[in-house]
Amino acid sequence: MLKIRNARIEDLPQLAVIEQLCFSKEEAATRGAFEQRIRLIPDTFYVIEEDSKIAGLINGPVIETAFITDDLFNNIKKNPPSGGHQSILGLAVHPHFQKRGLASKLLMHLERESSKNHRETITLTCKENLIGFYESHGYLNYGISGSEHGGEIWYNMCKKLD
């Protein structure tokens, strides 16, 4: 059975493992970054569980700008109650649980919650190979991002919310 819930501090060890399996060492959020996100933005940090095992995660702060800036990976603050742009700093599903639609479920959950809180958009950066995935969920590609996170080339993706 699948369940989406807010991340908790006791989830840290499992979250760190999933992050390291899904991202390169340069890209992966550190345990300290996850700890900060759980403490400051628990309202926009979700995990998906299958039979009580954490299978994936999605997280990011609400920001004032339409696109993500690299400083967000290390420096975030509490979310405003409404408005702003919901960012996604991380969306990851453990390889054992991939290819089953869990990333899509996490994305749709974050979109619903963001709409309830009157966010303007959802914004993220992704690598070229994931552009199609996000476009299939209604995101528009705004081209190459200024982000140098992990030494990679990232694309700005954004979706307007109603």
Protein backbone atom coordinates (compact mmCIF):
# COMPACT_ATOMS: atom_id res chain seq x y z
CA MET A 1 0.00 0.00 0.00
CA LEU A 2 1.29 3.47 -0.93
CA LYS A 3 1.27 6.41 1.45
CA ILE A 4 2.62 9.95 1.03
CA ARG A 5 3.47 11.85 4.20
CA ASN A 6 5.71 14.64 5.46
CA ALA A 7 9.34 13.66 6.11
CA ARG A 8 10.46 13.24 9.71
CA ILE A 9 13.89 13.53 11.28
CA GLU A 10 13.98 9.77 11.91
CA ASP A 11 13.73 9.23 8.12
CA LEU A 12 17.19 10.78 7.62
CA PRO A 13 19.22 7.56 7.23
CA GLN A 14 16.85 6.18 4.56
CA LEU A 15 16.58 9.54 2.78
CA ALA A 16 20.38 9.84 2.61
CA VAL A 17 20.65 6.36 1.05
CA ILE A 18 18.02 7.12 -1.63
CA GLU A 19 19.68 10.46 -2.45
CA GLN A 20 23.11 8.83 -2.83
CA LEU A 21 21.72 6.08 -5.06
CA CYS A 22 19.93 8.55 -7.35
CA PHE A 23 22.41 11.44 -7.64
CA SER A 24 26.16 11.79 -8.12
CA LYS A 25 28.28 12.67 -5.08
CA GLU A 26 28.51 16.28 -6.37
CA GLU A 27 24.73 16.60 -6.84
CA ALA A 28 23.35 14.70 -3.85
CA ALA A 29 21.99 16.64 -0.90
CA THR A 30 24.03 16.04 2.23
CA ARG A 31 22.57 14.61 5.40
CA GLY A 32 23.00 18.09 6.92
CA ALA A 33 21.04 19.69 4.07
CA PHE A 34 18.23 17.15 4.54
CA GLU A 35 18.23 17.80 8.28
CA GLN A 36 17.90 21.54 7.63
CA ARG A 37 15.08 20.99 5.11
CA ILE A 38 13.14 18.72 7.47
CA ARG A 39 13.53 21.30 10.26
CA LEU A 40 12.72 24.42 8.18
CA ILE A 41 10.36 23.22 5.41
CA PRO A 42 8.64 20.07 6.71
CA ASP A 43 5.45 21.27 4.98
CA THR A 44 7.10 20.81 1.53
CA PHE A 45 9.25 17.74 2.17
CA TYR A 46 7.37 14.52 1.39
CA VAL A 47 8.20 10.84 1.31
CA ILE A 48 6.30 8.04 -0.37
CA GLU A 49 6.12 4.73 1.45
CA GLU A 50 5.26 1.31 0.16
CA ASP A 51 4.38 -1.13 2.92
CA SER A 52 6.00 1.22 5.47
CA LYS A 53 9.31 1.37 3.55
CA ILE A 54 10.41 4.77 2.23
CA ALA A 55 10.52 4.41 -1.55
CA GLY A 56 11.11 8.03 -2.59
CA LEU A 57 11.14 11.70 -1.70
CA ILE A 58 10.38 15.17 -3.01
CA ASN A 59 11.36 18.46 -1.39
CA GLY A 60 12.05 22.14 -1.91
CA PRO A 61 11.38 25.53 -0.37
CA VAL A 62 8.92 28.15 -1.55
CA ILE A 63 10.95 30.93 -3.18
CA GLU A 64 10.30 34.46 -4.43
CA THR A 65 11.82 33.98 -7.90
CA ALA A 66 10.52 31.98 -10.86
CA PHE A 67 13.72 29.92 -11.16
CA ILE A 68 16.02 28.07 -8.77
CA THR A 69 19.36 29.57 -7.78
CA ASP A 70 22.30 27.49 -6.52
CA ASP A 71 22.32 29.14 -3.08
CA LEU A 72 19.08 27.25 -2.29
CA PHE A 73 20.95 23.97 -2.04
CA ASN A 74 22.65 25.20 1.14
CA ASN A 75 20.62 28.16 2.37
CA ILE A 76 16.85 27.94 2.77
CA LYS A 77 14.31 29.57 5.03
CA LYS A 78 10.84 28.71 6.26
CA ASN A 79 8.02 28.74 3.69
CA PRO A 80 5.52 31.61 3.61
CA PRO A 81 1.94 30.46 4.35
CA SER A 82 0.80 31.31 0.82
CA GLY A 83 2.04 32.71 -2.50
CA GLY A 84 5.49 32.41 -4.03
CA HIS A 85 6.95 29.73 -6.24
CA GLN A 86 7.27 26.13 -5.04
CA SER A 87 10.72 24.85 -5.94
CA ILE A 88 11.80 21.25 -6.23
CA LEU A 89 15.38 20.70 -5.12
CA GLY A 90 15.06 16.94 -5.11
CA LEU A 91 12.82 14.23 -6.51
CA ALA A 92 14.24 10.73 -6.09
CA VAL A 93 12.91 7.18 -6.03
CA HIS A 94 14.97 4.24 -4.76
CA PRO A 95 16.08 2.14 -7.76
CA HIS A 96 14.19 -0.88 -6.34
CA PHE A 97 10.92 1.09 -6.63
CA GLN A 98 11.53 2.86 -9.97
CA LYS A 99 9.44 2.49 -13.15
CA ARG A 100 6.20 2.25 -11.13
CA GLY A 101 4.95 5.83 -11.29
CA LEU A 102 6.06 6.86 -7.79
CA ALA A 103 7.91 9.97 -9.00
CA SER A 104 4.73 11.06 -10.79
CA LYS A 105 2.66 10.45 -7.65
CA LEU A 106 5.07 12.58 -5.58
CA LEU A 107 5.01 15.34 -8.20
CA MET A 108 1.20 15.37 -8.33
CA HIS A 109 0.97 15.42 -4.52
CA LEU A 110 3.30 18.44 -4.33
CA GLU A 111 1.28 20.19 -7.06
CA ARG A 112 -2.00 19.65 -5.18
CA GLU A 113 -0.53 20.94 -1.92
CA SER A 114 1.04 23.92 -3.72
CA SER A 115 -2.28 24.82 -5.34
CA LYS A 116 -4.01 24.74 -1.95
CA ASN A 117 -1.42 27.25 -0.70
CA HIS A 118 -1.88 29.54 -3.71
CA ARG A 119 1.65 29.11 -5.08
CA GLU A 120 2.13 30.73 -8.52
CA THR A 121 4.26 28.00 -10.09
CA ILE A 122 6.30 24.92 -9.42
CA THR A 123 9.88 25.39 -10.56
CA LEU A 124 12.84 23.04 -10.82
CA THR A 125 15.98 22.29 -12.76
CA CYS A 126 16.64 18.96 -14.43
CA LYS A 127 19.14 17.33 -16.75
CA GLU A 128 18.35 17.00 -20.44
CA ASN A 129 17.30 13.34 -20.15
CA LEU A 130 14.42 14.28 -17.79
CA ILE A 131 12.93 17.16 -19.83
CA GLY A 132 10.39 14.80 -21.46
CA PHE A 133 9.26 13.43 -18.08
CA TYR A 134 8.49 16.91 -16.77
CA GLU A 135 6.93 18.08 -20.05
CA SER A 136 4.57 15.07 -19.85
CA HIS A 137 3.41 16.55 -16.50
CA GLY A 138 2.72 20.00 -17.98
CA TYR A 139 6.05 21.70 -17.28
CA LEU A 140 7.54 24.07 -19.84
CA ASN A 141 11.25 24.11 -20.67
CA TYR A 142 12.75 27.59 -20.30
CA GLY A 143 16.19 26.55 -21.52
CA ILE A 144 19.56 26.16 -19.87
CA SER A 145 19.70 27.29 -16.26
CA GLY A 146 22.41 29.46 -14.73
CA SER A 147 22.88 26.67 -12.17
CA GLU A 148 26.32 25.11 -11.90
CA HIS A 149 25.19 22.63 -9.22
CA GLY A 150 27.33 19.48 -9.30
CA GLY A 151 29.16 20.79 -12.38
CA GLU A 152 26.27 19.72 -14.64
CA ILE A 153 24.12 21.41 -17.30
CA TRP A 154 20.59 21.97 -15.96
CA TYR A 155 17.37 23.12 -17.62
CA ASN A 156 14.81 25.45 -16.05
CA MET A 157 11.39 23.78 -15.96
CA CYS A 158 8.29 25.56 -14.71
CA LYS A 159 4.57 24.86 -14.42
CA LYS A 160 1.93 27.50 -13.72
CA LEU A 161 -0.62 26.56 -11.07
CA ASP A 162 -4.28 27.57 -11.10
